[in-house]
Amino acid sequence: VDHKSAQELPWRPRYRVWSVTGFDTVDCTLHYSKIEPNAGAPLHTHAVDELITVLDGCLEGIIEEKKQIVAANQTMVIPKGKPHGFKGIGPGTTTTLVFFPCKDGYQDTNYLEGAPPEIYKK
């Protein structure tokens, strides 16, 4: 799949997301994302595991109150049910691939801070 042809999803300000797998093709989720400095996802949990691989740039991630820096060619491995969040820390845009082992990785997401992305506010 050419990421340039993937469908862009309405997400968050300064945090763009494209669906690489679509919603009806396979029973997993892969998103390609561009995250500007200080943008990201507030603290939340999922009912399934999540993998966030940084392709370019850098994230500050938190999993269960433990902060970590996730640089290019590194992956956040987030077990289901664990509170986590992240933000881009620059200096430029951070590019990621986000994987969930189910058709819609954001199903049953519980936001502990903030609100869901635009696509899930409906």
C-alpha atoms as a PDB file:
ATOM      1  CA  VAL A   1       0.000   0.000   0.000  1.00  0.00           C
ATOM      2  CA  ASP A   2       1.337   3.396  -0.946  1.00  0.00           C
ATOM      3  CA  HIS A   3       0.910   5.579   2.152  1.00  0.00           C
ATOM      4  CA  LYS A   4       0.259   8.569  -0.131  1.00  0.00           C
ATOM      5  CA  SER A   5      -2.941   6.886  -1.364  1.00  0.00           C
ATOM      6  CA  ALA A   6      -4.222   5.939   2.117  1.00  0.00           C
ATOM      7  CA  GLN A   7      -7.407   7.560   3.417  1.00  0.00           C
ATOM      8  CA  GLU A   8      -6.754  10.456   5.824  1.00  0.00           C
ATOM      9  CA  LEU A   9      -8.891  10.302   8.955  1.00  0.00           C
ATOM     10  CA  PRO A  10     -10.159  13.351  10.876  1.00  0.00           C
ATOM     11  CA  TRP A  11      -7.976  13.204  13.993  1.00  0.00           C
ATOM     12  CA  ARG A  12      -6.508  15.953  16.202  1.00  0.00           C
ATOM     13  CA  PRO A  13      -5.017  19.397  15.583  1.00  0.00           C
ATOM     14  CA  ARG A  14      -1.385  19.019  14.420  1.00  0.00           C
ATOM     15  CA  TYR A  15      -1.721  15.200  14.505  1.00  0.00           C
ATOM     16  CA  ARG A  16      -2.606  13.700  11.121  1.00  0.00           C
ATOM     17  CA  VAL A  17      -3.550  10.031  10.608  1.00  0.00           C
ATOM     18  CA  TRP A  18      -3.969   7.895   7.486  1.00  0.00           C
ATOM     19  CA  SER A  19      -5.526   4.412   7.510  1.00  0.00           C
ATOM     20  CA  VAL A  20      -3.110   2.075   5.726  1.00  0.00           C
ATOM     21  CA  THR A  21      -5.297  -1.008   6.174  1.00  0.00           C
ATOM     22  CA  GLY A  22      -8.679   0.647   5.722  1.00  0.00           C
ATOM     23  CA  PHE A  23     -11.646  -0.519   7.759  1.00  0.00           C
ATOM     24  CA  ASP A  24     -12.899  -3.459   5.691  1.00  0.00           C
ATOM     25  CA  THR A  25      -9.814  -5.173   4.288  1.00  0.00           C
ATOM     26  CA  VAL A  26      -8.143  -7.103   7.125  1.00  0.00           C
ATOM     27  CA  ASP A  27      -8.747  -7.881  10.794  1.00  0.00           C
ATOM     28  CA  CYS A  28      -6.025  -5.532  12.075  1.00  0.00           C
ATOM     29  CA  THR A  29      -5.309  -1.789  12.076  1.00  0.00           C
ATOM     30  CA  LEU A  30      -2.244   0.024  10.741  1.00  0.00           C
ATOM     31  CA  HIS A  31      -2.119   3.819  10.775  1.00  0.00           C
ATOM     32  CA  TYR A  32       0.526   6.109   9.318  1.00  0.00           C
ATOM     33  CA  SER A  33       0.772   9.319  11.380  1.00  0.00           C
ATOM     34  CA  LYS A  34       2.452  12.739  11.319  1.00  0.00           C
ATOM     35  CA  ILE A  35       2.674  14.379  14.774  1.00  0.00           C
ATOM     36  CA  GLU A  36       3.832  17.962  15.260  1.00  0.00           C
ATOM     37  CA  PRO A  37       5.802  18.995  18.393  1.00  0.00           C
ATOM     38  CA  ASN A  38       3.589  19.106  21.524  1.00  0.00           C
ATOM     39  CA  ALA A  39       0.699  17.352  19.729  1.00  0.00           C
ATOM     40  CA  GLY A  40      -0.247  13.760  20.478  1.00  0.00           C
ATOM     41  CA  ALA A  41      -2.672  11.605  22.428  1.00  0.00           C
ATOM     42  CA  PRO A  42      -3.822  12.215  26.008  1.00  0.00           C
ATOM     43  CA  LEU A  43      -3.706   9.471  28.624  1.00  0.00           C
ATOM     44  CA  HIS A  44      -5.981   6.576  27.645  1.00  0.00           C
ATOM     45  CA  THR A  45      -6.333   2.778  27.593  1.00  0.00           C
ATOM     46  CA  HIS A  46      -7.303   0.220  24.923  1.00  0.00           C
ATOM     47  CA  ALA A  47      -8.923  -3.208  25.172  1.00  0.00           C
ATOM     48  CA  VAL A  48      -6.141  -4.562  22.904  1.00  0.00           C
ATOM     49  CA  ASP A  49      -2.355  -4.276  22.643  1.00  0.00           C
ATOM     50  CA  GLU A  50      -0.840  -1.373  20.673  1.00  0.00           C
ATOM     51  CA  LEU A  51       2.515  -0.901  18.933  1.00  0.00           C
ATOM     52  CA  ILE A  52       3.786   2.575  17.985  1.00  0.00           C
ATOM     53  CA  THR A  53       6.895   2.571  15.798  1.00  0.00           C
ATOM     54  CA  VAL A  54       8.681   5.886  15.273  1.00  0.00           C
ATOM     55  CA  LEU A  55       9.980   6.147  11.703  1.00  0.00           C
ATOM     56  CA  ASP A  56      11.305   9.684  11.960  1.00  0.00           C
ATOM     57  CA  GLY A  57      11.480  12.250  14.758  1.00  0.00           C
ATOM     58  CA  CYS A  58      10.891  11.615  18.441  1.00  0.00           C
ATOM     59  CA  LEU A  59       8.025  11.029  20.892  1.00  0.00           C
ATOM     60  CA  GLU A  60       7.786  11.404  24.632  1.00  0.00           C
ATOM     61  CA  GLY A  61       5.688   8.441  25.692  1.00  0.00           C
ATOM     62  CA  ILE A  62       4.185   7.458  29.005  1.00  0.00           C
ATOM     63  CA  ILE A  63       3.056   3.981  30.006  1.00  0.00           C
ATOM     64  CA  GLU A  64       1.690   3.543  33.532  1.00  0.00           C
ATOM     65  CA  GLU A  65       3.303   6.782  34.797  1.00  0.00           C
ATOM     66  CA  LYS A  66       6.735   5.848  33.363  1.00  0.00           C
ATOM     67  CA  LYS A  67       7.955   8.424  30.831  1.00  0.00           C
ATOM     68  CA  GLN A  68      10.241   7.373  28.017  1.00  0.00           C
ATOM     69  CA  ILE A  69      11.750   8.915  24.909  1.00  0.00           C
ATOM     70  CA  VAL A  70      10.969   6.957  21.746  1.00  0.00           C
ATOM     71  CA  ALA A  71      13.300   7.884  18.887  1.00  0.00           C
ATOM     72  CA  ALA A  72      13.423   6.854  15.228  1.00  0.00           C
ATOM     73  CA  ASN A  73      13.672   3.071  14.756  1.00  0.00           C
ATOM     74  CA  GLN A  74      12.214   2.420  18.227  1.00  0.00           C
ATOM     75  CA  THR A  75       8.791   1.055  19.201  1.00  0.00           C
ATOM     76  CA  MET A  76       6.468   1.666  22.156  1.00  0.00           C
ATOM     77  CA  VAL A  77       4.995  -1.714  23.148  1.00  0.00           C
ATOM     78  CA  ILE A  78       1.760  -1.028  25.032  1.00  0.00           C
ATOM     79  CA  PRO A  79      -0.071  -3.946  26.686  1.00  0.00           C
ATOM     80  CA  LYS A  80      -3.874  -3.846  26.638  1.00  0.00           C
ATOM     81  CA  GLY A  81      -5.452  -2.011  29.536  1.00  0.00           C
ATOM     82  CA  LYS A  82      -2.293  -0.029  30.442  1.00  0.00           C
ATOM     83  CA  PRO A  83      -2.730   3.768  30.703  1.00  0.00           C
ATOM     84  CA  HIS A  84      -0.563   5.505  28.101  1.00  0.00           C
ATOM     85  CA  GLY A  85      -0.169   8.656  26.042  1.00  0.00           C
ATOM     86  CA  PHE A  86       2.434  10.420  23.931  1.00  0.00           C
ATOM     87  CA  LYS A  87       3.421  13.669  22.251  1.00  0.00           C
ATOM     88  CA  GLY A  88       5.834  14.737  19.564  1.00  0.00           C
ATOM     89  CA  ILE A  89       8.903  16.440  20.974  1.00  0.00           C
ATOM     90  CA  GLY A  90      10.501  17.589  17.740  1.00  0.00           C
ATOM     91  CA  PRO A  91      12.506  19.331  16.672  1.00  0.00           C
ATOM     92  CA  GLY A  92      10.322  18.648  13.589  1.00  0.00           C
ATOM     93  CA  THR A  93       7.393  16.402  12.730  1.00  0.00           C
ATOM     94  CA  THR A  94       7.398  12.842  14.089  1.00  0.00           C
ATOM     95  CA  THR A  95       6.294  10.084  11.704  1.00  0.00           C
ATOM     96  CA  THR A  96       4.868   6.846  13.146  1.00  0.00           C
ATOM     97  CA  LEU A  97       3.224   3.559  12.261  1.00  0.00           C
ATOM     98  CA  VAL A  98       0.607   2.436  14.800  1.00  0.00           C
ATOM     99  CA  PHE A  99      -0.569  -1.201  14.869  1.00  0.00           C
ATOM    100  CA  PHE A 100      -3.515  -2.851  16.631  1.00  0.00           C
ATOM    101  CA  PRO A 101      -4.323  -6.595  16.319  1.00  0.00           C
ATOM    102  CA  CYS A 102      -8.010  -5.934  15.515  1.00  0.00           C
ATOM    103  CA  LYS A 103     -10.124  -4.258  12.815  1.00  0.00           C
ATOM    104  CA  ASP A 104     -10.657  -1.005  14.765  1.00  0.00           C
ATOM    105  CA  GLY A 105      -7.924  -0.444  17.330  1.00  0.00           C
ATOM    106  CA  TYR A 106      -9.771   2.442  18.897  1.00  0.00           C
ATOM    107  CA  GLN A 107     -12.851   0.423  19.829  1.00  0.00           C
ATOM    108  CA  ASP A 108     -13.319   0.318  23.590  1.00  0.00           C
ATOM    109  CA  THR A 109     -10.787   3.128  24.162  1.00  0.00           C
ATOM    110  CA  ASN A 110     -11.178   4.800  27.541  1.00  0.00           C
ATOM    111  CA  TYR A 111      -9.892   8.387  27.758  1.00  0.00           C
ATOM    112  CA  LEU A 112      -8.484   9.183  31.192  1.00  0.00           C
ATOM    113  CA  GLU A 113      -7.600  12.724  30.039  1.00  0.00           C
ATOM    114  CA  GLY A 114      -8.870  14.769  27.106  1.00  0.00           C
ATOM    115  CA  ALA A 115     -11.339  13.741  24.430  1.00  0.00           C
ATOM    116  CA  PRO A 116     -11.341  11.188  21.608  1.00  0.00           C
ATOM    117  CA  PRO A 117     -10.118  12.081  18.093  1.00  0.00           C
ATOM    118  CA  GLU A 118     -12.557  13.859  15.754  1.00  0.00           C
ATOM    119  CA  ILE A 119     -13.529  10.654  13.898  1.00  0.00           C
ATOM    120  CA  TYR A 120     -14.762   9.085  17.178  1.00  0.00           C
ATOM    121  CA  LYS A 121     -16.736  12.087  18.460  1.00  0.00           C
ATOM    122  CA  LYS A 122     -19.742  11.178  16.289  1.00  0.00           C
END
